[in-house]
N, C-alpha and C. Protein backbone atom coordinates (compact mmCIF):
# COMPACT_ATOMS: atom_id res chain seq x y z
N UNK A 1 116.05 139.25 70.23
CA UNK A 1 115.30 140.41 70.73
C UNK A 1 114.74 141.20 69.55
N UNK A 2 113.69 141.95 69.81
CA UNK A 2 113.06 142.73 68.76
C UNK A 2 113.88 143.97 68.46
N UNK A 3 113.72 144.46 67.23
CA UNK A 3 114.43 145.65 66.79
C UNK A 3 113.46 146.54 66.03
N UNK A 4 113.28 147.80 66.47
CA UNK A 4 112.37 148.68 65.72
C UNK A 4 112.81 148.79 64.27
N UNK A 5 111.88 148.76 63.33
CA UNK A 5 112.24 148.84 61.91
C UNK A 5 113.12 150.04 61.57
N UNK A 6 112.93 151.15 62.28
CA UNK A 6 113.73 152.34 61.99
C UNK A 6 115.21 152.14 62.32
N UNK A 7 115.51 151.12 63.13
CA UNK A 7 116.89 150.84 63.50
C UNK A 7 117.43 149.58 62.81
N UNK A 8 116.83 149.21 61.70
CA UNK A 8 117.20 147.97 61.03
C UNK A 8 118.68 147.91 60.65
N UNK A 9 119.31 149.06 60.46
CA UNK A 9 120.72 149.08 60.11
C UNK A 9 121.63 148.58 61.22
N UNK A 10 121.12 148.51 62.45
CA UNK A 10 121.92 147.99 63.56
C UNK A 10 122.14 146.48 63.46
N UNK A 11 121.34 145.83 62.62
CA UNK A 11 121.49 144.39 62.44
C UNK A 11 122.58 144.12 61.41
N UNK A 12 123.54 143.28 61.79
CA UNK A 12 124.63 142.93 60.90
C UNK A 12 124.12 142.04 59.78
N UNK A 13 124.39 142.42 58.55
CA UNK A 13 123.91 141.65 57.41
C UNK A 13 124.75 140.40 57.22
N UNK A 14 124.10 139.25 57.21
CA UNK A 14 124.75 137.98 56.89
C UNK A 14 123.92 137.31 55.79
N UNK A 15 124.25 136.09 55.46
CA UNK A 15 123.58 135.43 54.34
C UNK A 15 122.08 135.30 54.55
N UNK A 16 121.66 135.01 55.79
CA UNK A 16 120.23 134.80 56.03
C UNK A 16 119.93 135.12 57.49
N UNK A 17 119.24 136.24 57.73
CA UNK A 17 118.90 136.61 59.10
C UNK A 17 117.39 136.73 59.31
N UNK A 18 116.61 136.16 58.41
CA UNK A 18 115.16 136.30 58.51
C UNK A 18 114.56 135.43 59.61
N UNK A 19 115.05 134.21 59.74
CA UNK A 19 114.45 133.28 60.70
C UNK A 19 115.51 132.66 61.62
N UNK A 20 116.47 133.46 62.03
CA UNK A 20 117.54 132.94 62.88
C UNK A 20 117.01 132.63 64.28
N UNK A 21 117.39 131.48 64.84
CA UNK A 21 116.92 131.12 66.18
C UNK A 21 117.64 131.85 67.30
N UNK A 22 118.85 132.35 67.02
CA UNK A 22 119.64 132.99 68.08
C UNK A 22 119.94 134.45 67.75
N UNK A 23 120.05 135.25 68.82
CA UNK A 23 120.37 136.68 68.67
C UNK A 23 121.48 137.07 69.62
N UNK A 24 122.48 137.73 69.08
CA UNK A 24 123.60 138.27 69.87
C UNK A 24 123.53 139.78 69.79
N UNK A 25 123.43 140.44 70.95
CA UNK A 25 123.35 141.90 70.99
C UNK A 25 124.61 142.46 71.64
N UNK A 26 125.24 143.39 70.95
CA UNK A 26 126.45 144.03 71.45
C UNK A 26 126.10 145.46 71.84
N UNK A 27 126.17 145.75 73.13
CA UNK A 27 125.89 147.11 73.63
C UNK A 27 127.22 147.84 73.72
N UNK A 28 127.43 148.79 72.79
CA UNK A 28 128.72 149.43 72.64
C UNK A 28 128.59 150.95 72.66
N UNK A 29 129.63 151.58 73.20
CA UNK A 29 129.70 153.05 73.21
C UNK A 29 130.86 153.50 72.34
N UNK A 30 130.60 154.44 71.45
CA UNK A 30 131.60 154.88 70.49
C UNK A 30 132.84 155.51 71.13
N UNK A 31 132.74 156.03 72.35
CA UNK A 31 133.92 156.63 72.98
C UNK A 31 134.47 155.78 74.12
N UNK A 32 134.09 154.52 74.15
CA UNK A 32 134.61 153.57 75.14
C UNK A 32 135.72 152.74 74.51
N UNK A 33 136.96 152.81 75.04
CA UNK A 33 138.06 152.04 74.47
C UNK A 33 137.80 150.54 74.45
N UNK A 34 137.11 150.04 75.46
CA UNK A 34 136.83 148.61 75.53
C UNK A 34 135.80 148.20 74.47
N UNK A 35 134.85 149.09 74.22
CA UNK A 35 133.89 148.83 73.13
C UNK A 35 134.61 148.80 71.80
N UNK A 36 135.56 149.71 71.61
CA UNK A 36 136.31 149.74 70.36
C UNK A 36 137.09 148.45 70.17
N UNK A 37 137.69 147.97 71.24
CA UNK A 37 138.46 146.73 71.17
C UNK A 37 137.58 145.56 70.75
N UNK A 38 136.41 145.44 71.36
CA UNK A 38 135.49 144.37 71.00
C UNK A 38 135.01 144.53 69.56
N UNK A 39 134.64 145.75 69.19
CA UNK A 39 134.11 145.97 67.85
C UNK A 39 135.12 145.61 66.78
N UNK A 40 136.36 146.06 66.94
CA UNK A 40 137.38 145.80 65.92
C UNK A 40 137.59 144.30 65.71
N UNK A 41 137.67 143.54 66.81
CA UNK A 41 137.83 142.09 66.69
C UNK A 41 136.62 141.47 66.02
N UNK A 42 135.45 141.92 66.44
CA UNK A 42 134.22 141.34 65.91
C UNK A 42 134.04 141.67 64.44
N UNK A 43 134.19 142.94 64.09
CA UNK A 43 133.90 143.36 62.72
C UNK A 43 134.94 142.88 61.73
N UNK A 44 136.17 142.76 62.18
CA UNK A 44 137.24 142.33 61.27
C UNK A 44 137.23 140.82 61.05
N UNK A 45 137.03 140.04 62.10
CA UNK A 45 137.20 138.59 62.01
C UNK A 45 135.98 137.76 62.38
N UNK A 46 135.31 138.12 63.48
CA UNK A 46 134.24 137.26 63.99
C UNK A 46 133.05 137.24 63.04
N UNK A 47 132.75 138.36 62.40
CA UNK A 47 131.62 138.37 61.47
C UNK A 47 131.84 137.41 60.31
N UNK A 48 133.10 137.20 59.94
CA UNK A 48 133.41 136.26 58.85
C UNK A 48 133.13 134.82 59.30
N UNK A 49 133.44 134.53 60.56
CA UNK A 49 133.15 133.20 61.11
C UNK A 49 131.64 132.96 61.11
N UNK A 50 130.89 133.97 61.53
CA UNK A 50 129.44 133.84 61.57
C UNK A 50 128.87 133.65 60.16
N UNK A 51 129.37 134.44 59.22
CA UNK A 51 128.88 134.33 57.84
C UNK A 51 129.18 132.97 57.24
N UNK A 52 130.32 132.39 57.63
CA UNK A 52 130.73 131.09 57.08
C UNK A 52 130.04 129.92 57.76
N UNK A 53 129.93 129.98 59.09
CA UNK A 53 129.47 128.81 59.85
C UNK A 53 128.03 128.91 60.35
N UNK A 54 127.54 130.12 60.60
CA UNK A 54 126.23 130.26 61.25
C UNK A 54 125.34 131.30 60.56
N UNK A 55 125.33 131.37 59.25
CA UNK A 55 124.58 132.44 58.58
C UNK A 55 123.09 132.40 58.81
N UNK A 56 122.53 131.22 59.06
CA UNK A 56 121.09 131.12 59.26
C UNK A 56 120.73 130.80 60.71
N UNK A 57 121.73 130.85 61.59
CA UNK A 57 121.49 130.49 62.99
C UNK A 57 121.64 131.64 63.97
N UNK A 58 122.34 132.70 63.54
CA UNK A 58 122.63 133.78 64.49
C UNK A 58 122.51 135.14 63.81
N UNK A 59 121.73 136.02 64.44
CA UNK A 59 121.70 137.41 64.02
C UNK A 59 122.43 138.25 65.06
N UNK A 60 123.11 139.30 64.61
CA UNK A 60 123.89 140.16 65.49
C UNK A 60 123.36 141.59 65.39
N UNK A 61 123.15 142.20 66.54
CA UNK A 61 122.62 143.57 66.59
C UNK A 61 123.55 144.45 67.41
N UNK A 62 123.91 145.59 66.86
CA UNK A 62 124.70 146.61 67.54
C UNK A 62 123.73 147.54 68.25
N UNK A 63 123.71 147.49 69.58
CA UNK A 63 122.86 148.38 70.36
C UNK A 63 123.71 149.54 70.87
N UNK A 64 123.32 150.75 70.55
CA UNK A 64 124.08 151.93 70.94
C UNK A 64 123.87 152.23 72.42
N UNK A 65 124.97 152.28 73.16
CA UNK A 65 124.92 152.46 74.61
C UNK A 65 125.61 153.78 74.99
N UNK A 66 124.83 154.81 75.21
CA UNK A 66 125.38 156.12 75.56
C UNK A 66 125.86 156.13 77.00
N UNK A 67 127.08 156.60 77.21
CA UNK A 67 127.66 156.72 78.55
C UNK A 67 127.71 158.21 78.90
N UNK A 68 126.77 158.69 79.73
CA UNK A 68 126.61 160.14 79.94
C UNK A 68 127.75 160.82 80.69
N UNK A 69 128.64 160.05 81.33
CA UNK A 69 129.77 160.71 81.99
C UNK A 69 130.78 161.24 80.98
N UNK A 70 130.63 160.84 79.70
CA UNK A 70 131.38 161.46 78.62
C UNK A 70 130.37 162.23 77.77
N UNK A 71 130.29 163.55 77.89
CA UNK A 71 129.27 164.31 77.17
C UNK A 71 129.27 164.07 75.67
N UNK A 72 130.45 163.80 75.10
CA UNK A 72 130.50 163.58 73.65
C UNK A 72 129.86 162.27 73.24
N UNK A 73 129.62 161.37 74.19
CA UNK A 73 129.00 160.09 73.87
C UNK A 73 127.63 160.31 73.23
N UNK A 74 126.87 161.25 73.76
CA UNK A 74 125.57 161.54 73.16
C UNK A 74 125.73 162.03 71.74
N UNK A 75 126.70 162.90 71.50
CA UNK A 75 126.89 163.49 70.17
C UNK A 75 127.26 162.43 69.14
N UNK A 76 128.18 161.55 69.49
CA UNK A 76 128.61 160.56 68.51
C UNK A 76 127.50 159.54 68.24
N UNK A 77 126.73 159.22 69.25
CA UNK A 77 125.62 158.29 69.02
C UNK A 77 124.48 158.95 68.24
N UNK A 78 124.34 160.26 68.40
CA UNK A 78 123.39 160.96 67.54
C UNK A 78 123.81 160.82 66.08
N UNK A 79 125.11 160.88 65.82
CA UNK A 79 125.59 160.70 64.45
C UNK A 79 125.25 159.30 63.95
N UNK A 80 125.40 158.29 64.81
CA UNK A 80 125.00 156.94 64.43
C UNK A 80 123.53 156.86 64.10
N UNK A 81 122.71 157.55 64.90
CA UNK A 81 121.27 157.56 64.66
C UNK A 81 120.95 158.27 63.35
N UNK A 82 121.71 159.31 63.02
CA UNK A 82 121.49 160.01 61.76
C UNK A 82 121.81 159.12 60.57
N UNK A 83 122.90 158.35 60.67
CA UNK A 83 123.26 157.42 59.60
C UNK A 83 122.18 156.36 59.45
N UNK A 84 121.61 155.92 60.56
CA UNK A 84 120.52 154.94 60.49
C UNK A 84 119.34 155.48 59.69
N UNK A 85 119.12 156.78 59.74
CA UNK A 85 118.03 157.39 58.99
C UNK A 85 118.40 157.59 57.51
N UNK A 86 119.61 158.07 57.27
CA UNK A 86 120.01 158.46 55.92
C UNK A 86 120.42 157.26 55.08
N UNK A 87 121.23 156.37 55.67
CA UNK A 87 121.76 155.22 54.93
C UNK A 87 121.96 154.05 55.88
N UNK A 88 120.87 153.39 56.29
CA UNK A 88 120.98 152.33 57.30
C UNK A 88 121.94 151.21 56.92
N UNK A 89 122.10 150.95 55.62
CA UNK A 89 123.00 149.90 55.18
C UNK A 89 124.47 150.25 55.43
N UNK A 90 124.74 151.51 55.77
CA UNK A 90 126.10 151.96 56.03
C UNK A 90 126.42 152.05 57.52
N UNK A 91 125.49 151.67 58.37
CA UNK A 91 125.66 151.88 59.81
C UNK A 91 126.90 151.18 60.36
N UNK A 92 127.09 149.91 60.03
CA UNK A 92 128.23 149.19 60.57
C UNK A 92 129.54 149.74 60.00
N UNK A 93 129.54 150.09 58.74
CA UNK A 93 130.74 150.66 58.12
C UNK A 93 131.07 152.02 58.75
N UNK A 94 130.03 152.82 58.98
CA UNK A 94 130.23 154.10 59.66
C UNK A 94 130.76 153.87 61.07
N UNK A 95 130.20 152.88 61.76
CA UNK A 95 130.65 152.59 63.12
C UNK A 95 132.13 152.21 63.14
N UNK A 96 132.55 151.44 62.17
CA UNK A 96 133.97 151.08 62.07
C UNK A 96 134.83 152.33 61.90
N UNK A 97 134.42 153.21 61.02
CA UNK A 97 135.19 154.44 60.78
C UNK A 97 135.21 155.33 62.02
N UNK A 98 134.10 155.39 62.74
CA UNK A 98 134.02 156.22 63.94
C UNK A 98 134.88 155.63 65.06
N UNK A 99 134.83 154.31 65.23
CA UNK A 99 135.67 153.69 66.25
C UNK A 99 137.16 153.91 65.95
N UNK A 100 137.51 153.93 64.70
CA UNK A 100 138.90 154.17 64.33
C UNK A 100 139.36 155.57 64.72
N UNK A 101 138.41 156.49 64.79
CA UNK A 101 138.73 157.87 65.13
C UNK A 101 138.18 158.25 66.50
N UNK A 102 137.92 157.26 67.35
CA UNK A 102 137.21 157.56 68.59
C UNK A 102 137.96 158.54 69.48
N UNK A 103 139.30 158.52 69.50
CA UNK A 103 140.03 159.44 70.37
C UNK A 103 139.82 160.89 69.96
N UNK A 104 139.44 161.12 68.70
CA UNK A 104 139.14 162.49 68.26
C UNK A 104 137.95 163.08 68.99
N UNK A 105 137.17 162.20 69.64
CA UNK A 105 135.97 162.64 70.33
C UNK A 105 136.03 162.38 71.83
N UNK A 106 137.23 162.12 72.34
CA UNK A 106 137.42 162.02 73.79
C UNK A 106 137.27 163.41 74.41
N UNK A 107 137.07 163.45 75.70
CA UNK A 107 136.73 164.69 76.40
C UNK A 107 137.62 165.87 76.03
N UNK A 108 138.94 165.68 76.08
CA UNK A 108 139.85 166.79 75.84
C UNK A 108 139.86 167.26 74.39
N UNK A 109 139.37 166.42 73.49
CA UNK A 109 139.37 166.79 72.07
C UNK A 109 138.06 167.41 71.60
N UNK A 110 137.12 167.56 72.50
CA UNK A 110 135.86 168.22 72.13
C UNK A 110 135.52 169.41 73.03
N UNK A 111 136.24 169.53 74.14
CA UNK A 111 135.83 170.49 75.17
C UNK A 111 135.87 171.95 74.69
N UNK A 112 136.73 172.24 73.72
CA UNK A 112 136.87 173.63 73.29
C UNK A 112 136.19 173.94 71.95
N UNK A 113 135.36 173.02 71.46
CA UNK A 113 134.65 173.30 70.22
C UNK A 113 133.15 173.31 70.47
N UNK A 114 132.43 173.99 69.59
CA UNK A 114 130.98 174.04 69.75
C UNK A 114 130.37 172.69 69.39
N UNK A 115 129.18 172.47 69.85
CA UNK A 115 128.46 171.23 69.57
C UNK A 115 128.28 171.05 68.07
N UNK A 116 127.90 172.10 67.36
CA UNK A 116 127.70 171.99 65.92
C UNK A 116 129.01 171.71 65.18
N UNK A 117 130.13 172.19 65.71
CA UNK A 117 131.42 171.88 65.08
C UNK A 117 131.76 170.40 65.25
N UNK A 118 131.41 169.84 66.39
CA UNK A 118 131.59 168.40 66.58
C UNK A 118 130.73 167.63 65.58
N UNK A 119 129.50 168.08 65.39
CA UNK A 119 128.62 167.44 64.42
C UNK A 119 129.22 167.50 63.00
N UNK A 120 129.86 168.61 62.67
CA UNK A 120 130.46 168.73 61.34
C UNK A 120 131.54 167.67 61.15
N UNK A 121 132.35 167.44 62.18
CA UNK A 121 133.40 166.42 62.07
C UNK A 121 132.79 165.03 61.94
N UNK A 122 131.70 164.79 62.65
CA UNK A 122 131.04 163.49 62.56
C UNK A 122 130.42 163.29 61.18
N UNK A 123 129.86 164.35 60.61
CA UNK A 123 129.29 164.25 59.26
C UNK A 123 130.38 163.95 58.24
N UNK A 124 131.59 164.45 58.47
CA UNK A 124 132.71 164.16 57.57
C UNK A 124 133.09 162.68 57.63
N UNK A 125 133.00 162.08 58.81
CA UNK A 125 133.27 160.65 58.93
C UNK A 125 132.22 159.86 58.16
N UNK A 126 130.97 160.30 58.26
CA UNK A 126 129.90 159.65 57.49
C UNK A 126 130.21 159.74 56.00
N UNK A 127 130.68 160.90 55.56
CA UNK A 127 131.01 161.08 54.14
C UNK A 127 132.13 160.14 53.71
N UNK A 128 133.04 159.82 54.63
CA UNK A 128 134.18 158.96 54.28
C UNK A 128 133.76 157.54 53.93
N UNK A 129 132.54 157.15 54.32
CA UNK A 129 132.05 155.81 53.98
C UNK A 129 130.89 155.88 52.98
N UNK A 130 130.75 157.04 52.35
CA UNK A 130 129.77 157.15 51.28
C UNK A 130 128.38 157.61 51.69
N UNK A 131 128.25 158.22 52.86
CA UNK A 131 126.96 158.73 53.31
C UNK A 131 126.92 160.24 53.07
N UNK A 132 125.79 160.75 52.64
CA UNK A 132 125.64 162.17 52.35
C UNK A 132 125.85 162.98 53.63
N UNK A 133 126.94 163.72 53.69
CA UNK A 133 127.28 164.46 54.91
C UNK A 133 126.30 165.57 55.21
N UNK A 134 125.75 166.21 54.16
CA UNK A 134 124.79 167.28 54.39
C UNK A 134 123.52 166.75 55.05
N UNK A 135 123.04 165.60 54.57
CA UNK A 135 121.84 165.03 55.19
C UNK A 135 122.09 164.66 56.64
N UNK A 136 123.27 164.12 56.92
CA UNK A 136 123.61 163.77 58.30
C UNK A 136 123.69 165.03 59.16
N UNK A 137 124.42 166.03 58.68
CA UNK A 137 124.57 167.25 59.46
C UNK A 137 123.24 167.95 59.69
N UNK A 138 122.39 167.95 58.68
CA UNK A 138 121.08 168.60 58.82
C UNK A 138 120.24 167.94 59.91
N UNK A 139 120.42 166.65 60.10
CA UNK A 139 119.70 165.96 61.19
C UNK A 139 120.31 166.27 62.56
N UNK A 140 121.59 166.60 62.58
CA UNK A 140 122.30 166.79 63.84
C UNK A 140 122.31 168.24 64.33
N UNK A 141 122.37 169.17 63.42
CA UNK A 141 122.62 170.57 63.78
C UNK A 141 121.57 171.11 64.75
N UNK A 142 122.05 171.90 65.69
CA UNK A 142 121.15 172.61 66.60
C UNK A 142 120.93 173.99 66.02
N UNK A 143 119.69 174.26 65.65
CA UNK A 143 119.34 175.51 64.98
C UNK A 143 117.95 175.93 65.42
N UNK A 144 117.56 177.17 65.16
CA UNK A 144 116.21 177.62 65.53
C UNK A 144 115.13 176.72 64.95
N UNK A 145 114.14 176.41 65.75
CA UNK A 145 113.05 175.53 65.34
C UNK A 145 111.74 176.29 65.24
N UNK A 146 110.79 175.71 64.54
CA UNK A 146 109.47 176.33 64.45
C UNK A 146 108.86 176.45 65.84
N UNK A 147 108.22 177.58 66.07
CA UNK A 147 107.58 177.78 67.38
C UNK A 147 108.50 178.42 68.39
N UNK A 148 109.76 178.64 68.00
CA UNK A 148 110.70 179.31 68.90
C UNK A 148 111.20 178.46 70.05
N UNK A 149 111.12 177.15 69.93
CA UNK A 149 111.58 176.27 71.00
C UNK A 149 113.09 176.42 71.18
N UNK A 150 113.53 176.56 72.40
CA UNK A 150 114.95 176.73 72.69
C UNK A 150 115.61 175.44 73.13
N UNK A 151 114.81 174.41 73.38
CA UNK A 151 115.35 173.16 73.90
C UNK A 151 114.74 171.97 73.16
N UNK A 152 114.59 172.14 71.85
CA UNK A 152 113.87 171.13 71.07
C UNK A 152 114.73 170.01 70.52
N UNK A 153 116.03 170.06 70.77
CA UNK A 153 116.90 168.99 70.29
C UNK A 153 117.15 169.11 68.79
N UNK A 154 117.37 167.96 68.16
CA UNK A 154 117.64 167.95 66.72
C UNK A 154 116.82 166.86 66.04
N UNK A 155 117.21 166.50 64.83
CA UNK A 155 116.41 165.56 64.06
C UNK A 155 116.49 164.12 64.49
N UNK A 156 117.33 163.80 65.46
CA UNK A 156 117.42 162.41 65.93
C UNK A 156 117.16 162.29 67.44
N UNK A 157 116.74 163.39 68.07
CA UNK A 157 116.53 163.36 69.53
C UNK A 157 115.52 162.29 69.93
N UNK A 158 114.43 162.17 69.21
CA UNK A 158 113.42 161.17 69.57
C UNK A 158 113.97 159.75 69.43
N UNK A 159 114.82 159.52 68.43
CA UNK A 159 115.41 158.19 68.27
C UNK A 159 116.36 157.88 69.42
N UNK A 160 117.13 158.87 69.84
CA UNK A 160 118.04 158.67 70.97
C UNK A 160 117.26 158.36 72.24
N UNK A 161 116.15 159.06 72.45
CA UNK A 161 115.31 158.78 73.61
C UNK A 161 114.83 157.33 73.60
N UNK A 162 114.44 156.84 72.43
CA UNK A 162 113.96 155.46 72.31
C UNK A 162 115.07 154.46 72.60
N UNK A 163 116.27 154.72 72.09
CA UNK A 163 117.40 153.83 72.36
C UNK A 163 117.70 153.76 73.85
N UNK A 164 117.75 154.92 74.49
CA UNK A 164 118.07 154.96 75.92
C UNK A 164 116.99 154.25 76.73
N UNK A 165 115.74 154.47 76.38
CA UNK A 165 114.64 153.82 77.10
C UNK A 165 114.74 152.30 76.99
N UNK A 166 115.01 151.81 75.78
CA UNK A 166 115.11 150.36 75.57
C UNK A 166 116.24 149.76 76.38
N UNK A 167 117.38 150.43 76.43
CA UNK A 167 118.52 149.90 77.16
C UNK A 167 118.29 149.94 78.67
N UNK A 168 117.62 150.99 79.14
CA UNK A 168 117.34 151.10 80.58
C UNK A 168 116.36 150.04 81.04
N UNK A 169 115.41 149.70 80.20
CA UNK A 169 114.40 148.71 80.58
C UNK A 169 115.03 147.39 80.97
N UNK A 170 116.11 147.00 80.25
CA UNK A 170 116.76 145.72 80.58
C UNK A 170 117.98 145.90 81.47
N UNK A 171 118.24 147.14 81.90
CA UNK A 171 119.26 147.38 82.91
C UNK A 171 120.69 147.40 82.43
N UNK A 172 120.93 147.69 81.17
CA UNK A 172 122.31 147.78 80.69
C UNK A 172 122.94 149.05 81.24
N UNK A 173 124.14 148.91 81.79
CA UNK A 173 124.82 150.06 82.38
C UNK A 173 126.20 150.28 81.75
N UNK A 174 127.05 149.27 81.81
CA UNK A 174 128.42 149.44 81.34
C UNK A 174 128.54 149.05 79.87
N UNK A 175 129.64 149.47 79.27
CA UNK A 175 129.95 149.05 77.91
C UNK A 175 131.38 148.50 77.89
N UNK A 176 131.59 147.45 77.09
CA UNK A 176 130.56 146.72 76.35
C UNK A 176 129.79 145.75 77.24
N UNK A 177 128.55 145.51 76.87
CA UNK A 177 127.74 144.47 77.47
C UNK A 177 127.19 143.61 76.33
N UNK A 178 127.15 142.31 76.55
CA UNK A 178 126.68 141.38 75.51
C UNK A 178 125.48 140.61 76.03
N UNK A 179 124.44 140.54 75.20
CA UNK A 179 123.28 139.72 75.50
C UNK A 179 123.19 138.61 74.44
N UNK A 180 122.87 137.41 74.90
CA UNK A 180 122.64 136.29 73.99
C UNK A 180 121.26 135.72 74.25
N UNK A 181 120.41 135.77 73.26
CA UNK A 181 119.02 135.31 73.37
C UNK A 181 118.31 135.94 74.57
N UNK A 182 118.57 137.24 74.76
CA UNK A 182 117.85 138.00 75.77
C UNK A 182 118.43 137.94 77.17
N UNK A 183 119.52 137.19 77.37
CA UNK A 183 120.15 137.06 78.68
C UNK A 183 121.56 137.61 78.61
N UNK A 184 121.97 138.38 79.63
CA UNK A 184 123.32 138.92 79.63
C UNK A 184 124.35 137.79 79.63
N UNK A 185 125.31 137.87 78.73
CA UNK A 185 126.35 136.85 78.58
C UNK A 185 127.66 137.41 79.14
N UNK A 186 127.87 137.18 80.43
CA UNK A 186 129.01 137.80 81.12
C UNK A 186 130.34 137.12 80.82
N UNK A 187 130.30 135.99 80.17
CA UNK A 187 131.56 135.30 79.87
C UNK A 187 132.33 135.96 78.73
N UNK A 188 131.64 136.78 77.94
CA UNK A 188 132.28 137.43 76.81
C UNK A 188 132.83 138.79 77.25
N UNK A 189 134.11 139.01 77.02
CA UNK A 189 134.74 140.26 77.41
C UNK A 189 135.32 140.97 76.21
N UNK A 190 135.72 142.21 76.42
CA UNK A 190 136.33 142.99 75.33
C UNK A 190 137.66 142.40 74.89
N UNK A 191 138.26 141.59 75.75
CA UNK A 191 139.57 140.99 75.44
C UNK A 191 139.46 139.67 74.70
N UNK A 192 138.24 139.24 74.40
CA UNK A 192 138.06 137.98 73.68
C UNK A 192 138.86 137.99 72.38
N UNK A 193 139.66 136.94 72.20
CA UNK A 193 140.40 136.78 70.95
C UNK A 193 139.49 136.14 69.90
N UNK A 194 139.95 136.10 68.67
CA UNK A 194 139.17 135.46 67.61
C UNK A 194 138.93 133.99 67.93
N UNK A 195 139.95 133.32 68.45
CA UNK A 195 139.79 131.90 68.78
C UNK A 195 138.80 131.70 69.92
N UNK A 196 138.79 132.61 70.88
CA UNK A 196 137.81 132.51 71.97
C UNK A 196 136.40 132.73 71.45
N UNK A 197 136.24 133.68 70.55
CA UNK A 197 134.94 133.88 69.93
C UNK A 197 134.51 132.63 69.16
N UNK A 198 135.44 132.05 68.44
CA UNK A 198 135.15 130.85 67.65
C UNK A 198 134.68 129.72 68.57
N UNK A 199 135.37 129.54 69.69
CA UNK A 199 135.00 128.50 70.65
C UNK A 199 133.62 128.77 71.24
N UNK A 200 133.39 130.04 71.61
CA UNK A 200 132.11 130.39 72.23
C UNK A 200 130.96 130.15 71.24
N UNK A 201 131.14 130.56 70.03
CA UNK A 201 130.10 130.35 69.02
C UNK A 201 129.81 128.88 68.80
N UNK A 202 130.86 128.08 68.72
CA UNK A 202 130.70 126.64 68.51
C UNK A 202 129.95 125.99 69.66
N UNK A 203 130.17 126.48 70.88
CA UNK A 203 129.54 125.89 72.06
C UNK A 203 128.13 126.41 72.33
N UNK A 204 127.75 127.52 71.72
CA UNK A 204 126.48 128.13 72.07
C UNK A 204 125.50 128.27 70.90
N UNK A 205 125.99 128.34 69.71
CA UNK A 205 125.09 128.48 68.56
C UNK A 205 124.90 127.10 67.94
N UNK A 206 123.80 126.49 68.26
CA UNK A 206 123.54 125.12 67.80
C UNK A 206 122.18 125.04 67.12
């Protein structure tokens, strides 16, 4: 599937992804426990299998899937969008750090803080992987805008709109959802073990 150049950091870097015949898209939500389970298995072990066995055959893209029934989902994905702008090469590393702290952004852990305070905590996570926290926070903060707009969003609102539009067009609803070569791959679940991933890759990436 195509990927806007501004979101190039969502593509997992392997030895050669310029002319890969296959594409695996992982639609994940930062505050979804099942997404975290899939991500941890994939990022820790499965990416090594791909780099070793299929570096020129498969590209992997992390598609951000906001789940609006958790209000903080928008906020954490805005942080991901900010990292894509500031340091796209750090997107996957940032995502790993954020998934490790995902419970810090569950409903009960954000309900009593301001939106900008949540952004400050997210910028600190970005800093933990070497991304400039001030640049990230400046993109996220809700502050007075030129023209006196009261509902103008922040520095990544337009990017979030584009992500949501793209996901809605193909009908993605739940997380995690996996697409392989543009078709939903329902056989892959969040409970997939490393060996199951290895088997699936061997049977499908040819």
